[in-house]
Amino acid sequence: MKLKSHPLRKKAKRGFRGYPIATVAFYGPDDRQATKVAVGIVADESGDVVELERWFSEEEDVRADVGIGEAILAFIRNREVRSVVITDRIFGCPHEEGIDYPEGGACPECPYWAGRDRFVGEDDVN
């Protein structure tokens, strides 16, 4: 199942329909393969994530993994999500700063992301 035609994309295209909101972000060692997806639930206008779930796959891109897609849909359905927001690209390294590698450094396992601004998908120009 490709995410382009996935029910999550259809929900996201509907736009804002109220709270709670599910935020869906994909992560990978580079900009081609997503090995992690994180889904956060934002309950109200505060913008605080009140619940966060992550799924991983080393064998298959998580965007094409049917089981992960179904688990995400069940997760948001069980939280009565009314709106969905999805990143339009792989958002960064799947490892977590301060947990998998030291704060302030680049991930040693994902050199592709070193020096890149993940918010715009380009190299830093500083």
Protein backbone atom coordinates (compact mmCIF):
# COMPACT_ATOMS: atom_id res chain seq x y z
CA MET A 1 0.00 0.00 0.00
CA LYS A 2 1.57 3.28 -1.09
CA LEU A 3 1.07 6.21 1.24
CA LYS A 4 0.14 8.46 -1.68
CA SER A 5 -3.21 6.67 -1.89
CA HIS A 6 -3.34 5.64 1.77
CA PRO A 7 -6.39 6.58 3.89
CA LEU A 8 -4.06 8.76 6.03
CA ARG A 9 -3.35 11.00 3.03
CA LYS A 10 -7.07 11.24 2.34
CA LYS A 11 -7.70 12.29 5.95
CA ALA A 12 -4.94 14.88 5.73
CA LYS A 13 -6.36 16.35 2.51
CA ARG A 14 -9.61 17.11 4.33
CA GLY A 15 -7.82 19.85 6.25
CA PHE A 16 -8.49 21.02 9.78
CA ARG A 17 -11.68 19.50 11.18
CA GLY A 18 -11.03 20.18 14.84
CA TYR A 19 -9.16 18.54 17.70
CA PRO A 20 -7.65 16.13 18.41
CA ILE A 21 -5.06 16.28 15.64
CA ALA A 22 -2.73 13.44 14.67
CA THR A 23 0.70 14.53 13.43
CA VAL A 24 2.48 11.94 11.28
CA ALA A 25 6.21 12.24 10.56
CA PHE A 26 8.53 9.85 8.73
CA TYR A 27 12.21 9.38 9.52
CA GLY A 28 15.00 7.49 7.82
CA PRO A 29 18.75 7.23 7.38
CA ASP A 30 18.43 9.32 4.19
CA ASP A 31 15.73 10.97 2.09
CA ARG A 32 14.75 7.78 0.24
CA GLN A 33 13.80 5.14 2.84
CA ALA A 34 11.62 5.72 5.89
CA THR A 35 12.46 3.29 8.69
CA LYS A 36 10.42 5.03 11.40
CA VAL A 37 7.07 6.77 11.64
CA ALA A 38 6.01 8.79 14.67
CA VAL A 39 2.39 9.72 15.32
CA GLY A 40 1.64 12.36 17.92
CA ILE A 41 -1.78 13.28 19.26
CA VAL A 42 -2.43 16.97 19.92
CA ALA A 43 -5.57 17.29 22.02
CA ASP A 44 -6.18 21.04 21.92
CA GLU A 45 -4.94 24.49 20.91
CA SER A 46 -2.00 24.31 23.33
CA GLY A 47 -0.14 22.33 20.69
CA ASP A 48 1.20 19.90 23.28
CA VAL A 49 1.56 16.31 22.20
CA VAL A 50 -0.37 14.27 24.77
CA GLU A 51 0.44 10.87 23.31
CA LEU A 52 3.17 9.62 20.99
CA GLU A 53 3.54 6.26 19.27
CA ARG A 54 6.37 5.09 17.01
CA TRP A 55 6.65 2.22 14.52
CA PHE A 56 9.87 0.90 12.97
CA SER A 57 10.86 -1.32 10.06
CA GLU A 58 14.34 -2.16 8.85
CA GLU A 59 13.10 -4.51 6.09
CA GLU A 60 10.47 -2.38 4.35
CA ASP A 61 9.83 1.33 4.00
CA VAL A 62 7.28 2.14 6.72
CA ARG A 63 5.25 4.14 4.18
CA ALA A 64 4.56 0.91 2.26
CA ASP A 65 4.14 -1.44 5.24
CA VAL A 66 0.47 -2.48 5.32
CA GLY A 67 0.62 -3.64 8.94
CA ILE A 68 2.09 -0.35 10.13
CA GLY A 69 -0.47 1.60 8.10
CA GLU A 70 -3.32 -0.35 9.69
CA ALA A 71 -1.80 0.13 13.17
CA ILE A 72 -1.60 3.90 12.61
CA LEU A 73 -5.21 4.03 11.44
CA ALA A 74 -6.33 2.05 14.50
CA PHE A 75 -4.27 4.31 16.78
CA ILE A 76 -5.87 7.51 15.46
CA ARG A 77 -9.34 5.97 15.28
CA ASN A 78 -9.12 4.89 18.94
CA ARG A 79 -8.20 8.47 19.91
CA GLU A 80 -11.13 9.89 17.91
CA VAL A 81 -8.79 12.05 15.83
CA ARG A 82 -10.61 14.65 13.75
CA SER A 83 -7.67 16.10 11.77
CA VAL A 84 -4.46 14.62 10.35
CA VAL A 85 -1.24 16.40 9.38
CA ILE A 86 1.51 14.48 7.53
CA THR A 87 5.02 15.56 6.57
CA ASP A 88 5.51 15.71 2.81
CA ARG A 89 8.95 14.08 2.96
CA ILE A 90 11.20 12.08 5.24
CA PHE A 91 11.73 14.51 8.08
CA GLY A 92 15.10 13.46 9.44
CA CYS A 93 17.16 10.79 11.13
CA PRO A 94 15.25 8.00 12.93
CA HIS A 95 17.59 8.17 15.92
CA GLU A 96 16.84 10.50 18.83
CA GLU A 97 19.24 13.19 19.95
CA GLY A 98 20.16 12.80 23.60
CA ILE A 99 19.01 9.18 23.59
CA ASP A 100 20.75 7.46 20.69
CA TYR A 101 23.61 9.98 20.37
CA PRO A 102 24.79 13.04 22.39
CA GLU A 103 22.85 16.33 22.43
CA GLY A 104 24.07 18.90 19.92
CA GLY A 105 25.88 16.43 17.69
CA ALA A 106 25.13 14.72 14.43
CA CYS A 107 23.95 11.13 14.40
CA PRO A 108 26.94 8.90 13.66
CA GLU A 109 24.70 6.34 11.93
CA CYS A 110 22.99 8.79 9.56
CA PRO A 111 25.63 11.04 7.94
CA TYR A 112 23.14 12.08 5.25
CA TRP A 113 21.36 14.37 7.77
CA ALA A 114 24.51 16.09 9.11
CA GLY A 115 24.34 19.77 8.16
CA ARG A 116 20.88 19.55 6.61
CA ASP A 117 17.92 21.68 7.60
CA ARG A 118 15.19 19.05 7.86
CA PHE A 119 12.48 21.72 7.88
CA VAL A 120 13.24 22.81 4.32
CA GLY A 121 15.01 19.69 3.05
CA GLU A 122 18.20 21.52 2.13
CA ASP A 123 21.77 21.85 3.34
CA ASP A 124 22.25 24.49 6.05
CA VAL A 125 23.50 27.74 4.58
CA ASN A 126 24.89 29.27 7.79
